Protein backbone atom coordinates (compact mmCIF):
# COMPACT_ATOMS: atom_id res chain seq x y z
CA UNK A 1 51.17 82.74 58.44
CA UNK A 2 49.75 79.24 59.63
CA UNK A 3 53.12 77.59 60.44
CA UNK A 4 52.78 73.55 59.22
CA UNK A 5 52.94 71.15 61.75
CA UNK A 6 56.42 68.99 60.74
CA UNK A 7 55.97 65.84 60.17
CA UNK A 8 57.75 62.79 62.10
CA UNK A 9 60.13 60.24 60.54
CA UNK A 10 58.43 56.76 59.88
CA UNK A 11 59.95 55.56 63.48
CA UNK A 12 58.77 58.34 65.35
CA UNK A 13 55.76 58.75 63.81
CA UNK A 14 54.35 54.73 64.58
CA UNK A 15 56.06 55.46 67.80
CA UNK A 16 54.32 58.47 68.65
CA UNK A 17 50.84 56.79 67.62
CA UNK A 18 51.13 53.83 69.84
CA UNK A 19 52.14 56.27 72.76
CA UNK A 20 49.20 57.89 72.34
CA UNK A 21 47.21 55.06 72.29
CA UNK A 22 49.27 53.56 75.70
CA UNK A 23 50.87 56.32 77.74
CA UNK A 24 51.70 54.10 80.37
CA UNK A 25 51.86 51.26 79.75
CA UNK A 26 54.28 48.31 80.03
CA UNK A 27 56.16 47.86 76.72
CA UNK A 28 58.63 44.49 75.43
CA UNK A 29 60.71 45.56 72.42
CA UNK A 30 62.03 42.79 70.03
CA UNK A 31 65.48 43.91 68.12
CA UNK A 32 66.76 41.85 65.08
CA UNK A 33 70.41 40.39 66.24
CA UNK A 34 71.08 40.32 62.14
CA UNK A 35 69.95 42.65 59.79
CA UNK A 36 67.86 41.94 56.28
CA UNK A 37 70.66 44.18 54.61
CA UNK A 38 73.50 42.41 56.10
CA UNK A 39 72.13 38.78 54.94
CA UNK A 40 69.86 38.31 58.08
CA UNK A 41 66.74 35.86 57.73
CA UNK A 42 64.20 38.71 59.33
CA UNK A 43 63.17 42.28 57.66
CA UNK A 44 61.20 44.01 59.98
CA UNK A 45 64.21 45.63 62.42
CA UNK A 46 62.17 45.73 65.78
CA UNK A 47 58.47 44.52 66.88
CA UNK A 48 56.76 46.07 69.86
CA UNK A 49 54.36 44.40 72.03
CA UNK A 50 52.11 47.04 74.22
CA UNK A 51 50.28 45.93 77.52
CA UNK A 52 46.86 46.61 76.79
CA UNK A 53 45.32 46.34 80.77
CA UNK A 54 41.74 47.70 79.90
CA UNK A 55 41.49 45.08 77.12
CA UNK A 56 43.56 42.21 78.77
CA UNK A 57 45.58 42.13 75.47
CA UNK A 58 49.20 42.58 73.93
CA UNK A 59 49.04 45.05 70.92
CA UNK A 60 51.74 44.09 69.11
CA UNK A 61 52.88 46.61 66.27
CA UNK A 62 56.09 46.18 63.49
CA UNK A 63 59.01 48.84 62.42
CA UNK A 64 60.09 47.96 58.80
CA UNK A 65 57.55 47.95 56.47
CA UNK A 66 57.52 51.84 55.61
CA UNK A 67 60.73 54.26 55.33
CA UNK A 68 61.40 54.76 59.25
CA UNK A 69 64.65 56.88 58.63
CA UNK A 70 65.17 58.19 55.29
CA UNK A 71 62.51 58.30 52.33
CA UNK A 72 64.22 55.46 50.30
CA UNK A 73 61.52 54.75 46.87
CA UNK A 74 60.68 57.08 44.59
CA UNK A 75 57.06 57.42 45.72
CA UNK A 76 56.32 60.37 47.02
CA UNK A 77 52.86 59.67 48.14
CA UNK A 78 53.55 56.59 50.16
CA UNK A 79 56.24 55.64 52.59
CA UNK A 80 57.27 52.24 51.59
CA UNK A 81 54.81 49.31 51.58
CA UNK A 82 52.33 51.41 52.91
CA UNK A 83 51.82 49.61 56.04
CA UNK A 84 52.41 48.32 59.14
CA UNK A 85 51.39 44.40 60.52
CA UNK A 86 49.31 44.80 64.59
CA UNK A 87 47.51 42.14 65.64
CA UNK A 88 45.73 42.27 69.54
CA UNK A 89 46.33 38.79 71.14
CA UNK A 90 44.40 37.50 73.83
CA UNK A 91 46.12 37.01 77.21
CA UNK A 92 45.22 34.19 79.75
CA UNK A 93 44.88 31.75 76.19
CA UNK A 94 48.21 30.11 76.57
CA UNK A 95 50.77 29.24 79.11
CA UNK A 96 53.93 30.46 79.00
CA UNK A 97 53.20 34.20 78.13
CA UNK A 98 56.92 35.21 77.42
CA UNK A 99 57.32 32.43 74.36
CA UNK A 100 53.76 33.32 72.86
CA UNK A 101 55.01 37.30 72.19
CA UNK A 102 58.14 35.85 71.06
CA UNK A 103 55.92 33.46 68.86
CA UNK A 104 53.66 36.36 67.36
CA UNK A 105 57.06 38.15 66.85
CA UNK A 106 57.97 35.14 64.55
CA UNK A 107 55.13 35.04 62.61
CA UNK A 108 54.99 39.00 62.12
CA UNK A 109 58.64 38.38 60.68
CA UNK A 110 57.11 35.53 58.21
CA UNK A 111 54.07 37.33 56.93
CA UNK A 112 57.16 40.42 56.65
CA UNK A 113 59.17 37.96 54.65
CA UNK A 114 56.44 37.47 52.19
CA UNK A 115 56.27 41.72 51.36
CA UNK A 116 60.08 41.59 51.06
CA UNK A 117 60.49 39.06 48.87
CA UNK A 118 56.91 38.51 46.73
CA UNK A 119 56.04 42.10 47.07
CA UNK A 120 52.65 40.60 48.28
CA UNK A 121 51.03 44.01 50.40
CA UNK A 122 48.59 43.17 52.39
CA UNK A 123 45.16 45.18 52.48
CA UNK A 124 42.61 45.06 55.28
CA UNK A 125 39.68 42.40 54.27
CA UNK A 126 41.98 39.74 52.94
CA UNK A 127 42.96 35.92 54.61
CA UNK A 128 45.86 34.07 55.14
CA UNK A 129 45.48 30.55 54.28
CA UNK A 130 48.60 28.73 56.05
CA UNK A 131 47.41 25.61 54.95
CA UNK A 132 48.16 23.48 58.27
CA UNK A 133 45.43 22.42 60.47
CA UNK A 134 47.71 22.48 63.35
CA UNK A 135 47.74 25.68 65.77
CA UNK A 136 49.54 28.71 65.17
CA UNK A 137 50.83 29.26 69.02
CA UNK A 138 53.46 27.90 70.44
CA UNK A 139 52.27 24.45 71.54
CA UNK A 140 50.13 24.03 68.28
CA UNK A 141 47.32 23.22 70.10
CA UNK A 142 44.79 25.76 69.49
CA UNK A 143 42.21 25.95 66.45
CA UNK A 144 43.41 29.13 65.69
CA UNK A 145 45.72 28.15 62.11
CA UNK A 146 45.30 31.50 59.68
CA UNK A 147 44.62 35.29 59.73
CA UNK A 148 41.82 37.67 58.26
CA UNK A 149 42.87 41.17 57.91
CA UNK A 150 41.31 44.57 58.67
CA UNK A 151 41.67 48.06 59.45
CA UNK A 152 43.51 48.34 62.99
CA UNK A 153 40.62 49.13 65.11
CA UNK A 154 42.80 51.71 67.53
CA UNK A 155 45.78 53.30 65.48
CA UNK A 156 45.39 55.91 62.75
CA UNK A 157 46.43 56.12 59.44
CA UNK A 158 49.85 58.36 59.53
CA UNK A 159 51.08 60.97 57.32
CA UNK A 160 54.93 60.68 57.96
CA UNK A 161 57.28 62.78 56.96
CA UNK A 162 57.63 60.03 53.93
CA UNK A 163 54.70 58.94 53.04
CA UNK A 164 51.27 57.79 54.45
CA UNK A 165 50.57 54.15 55.97
CA UNK A 166 48.15 52.67 57.71
CA UNK A 167 48.26 49.83 60.44
CA UNK A 168 46.47 46.23 58.77
CA UNK A 169 45.61 44.31 61.83
CA UNK A 170 45.65 40.47 61.74
CA UNK A 171 42.93 38.33 63.34
CA UNK A 172 43.38 34.69 64.20
CA UNK A 173 40.71 32.44 62.80
CA UNK A 174 40.27 28.83 62.17
CA UNK A 175 40.55 26.86 59.32
CA UNK A 176 36.90 26.10 58.98
CA UNK A 177 36.59 29.33 59.03
CA UNK A 178 38.88 30.19 56.42
CA UNK A 179 37.49 27.19 54.36
CA UNK A 180 34.58 28.86 54.70
CA UNK A 181 35.72 31.92 52.83
CA UNK A 182 37.66 30.39 50.43
CA UNK A 183 34.55 28.02 49.31
CA UNK A 184 32.86 31.08 49.73
CA UNK A 185 30.38 30.88 52.06
CA UNK A 186 31.16 34.44 53.89
CA UNK A 187 33.48 36.86 53.14
CA UNK A 188 36.03 37.58 55.52
CA UNK A 189 33.95 41.13 56.41
CA UNK A 190 31.26 38.84 57.44
CA UNK A 191 33.50 36.68 59.19
CA UNK A 192 34.51 39.44 61.43
CA UNK A 193 30.95 40.44 62.39
CA UNK A 194 30.20 36.88 62.93
CA UNK A 195 33.54 36.65 65.81
CA UNK A 196 32.77 40.46 67.13
CA UNK A 197 36.27 40.86 68.20
CA UNK A 198 39.23 41.82 67.20
CA UNK A 199 41.15 39.78 69.83
CA UNK A 200 43.44 36.69 68.68
CA UNK A 201 42.04 34.72 71.27
CA UNK A 202 44.47 30.99 70.95
CA UNK A 203 41.53 29.20 73.73
CA UNK A 204 38.30 30.79 71.23
CA UNK A 205 36.04 27.34 69.82
CA UNK A 206 34.98 28.06 65.92
CA UNK A 207 32.28 30.35 64.86
CA UNK A 208 31.75 28.31 61.69
């Protein structure tokens, strides 16, 4: 009889997947000081950024939109909301790297807050329109004002001990690009193809 491979817990599965991608990479871990359950403002207990030197970017992944330590929901097939967020932030497109990394963590917490408070589940090939015209970067000087989503191009969907999950990647896009989607001049998939990259690059020019 074949032995079935023991499924990892949610936290272990996420970490194992990113260590598969970046076995020797530097990683920066940002833990929430006061938990959401204790009245804190940030719903995600941790966000980690892995140094992808080959592609000159930081690859962020969230912990907390799926069930990390135990099965709590009645849905046996899906772990939590069934997704964790990722962003791949291009290096050399900012002045203060640490501040921009922290800023991305704040953005990911804000997106997760929409899920925790409103039940909003983000799926690939959607868009996030903030309505703002100033940049989402720490200095608010970039033309990047919102996001589109895709399946993460590197991190694979996982089967954990608490159910299935996937990694939904956010790509920074400009106000003109978002308005083109809203006005049905282009689809999210078409914009992604036109961008030709999955990196969030604060210095890039609009393609529309």
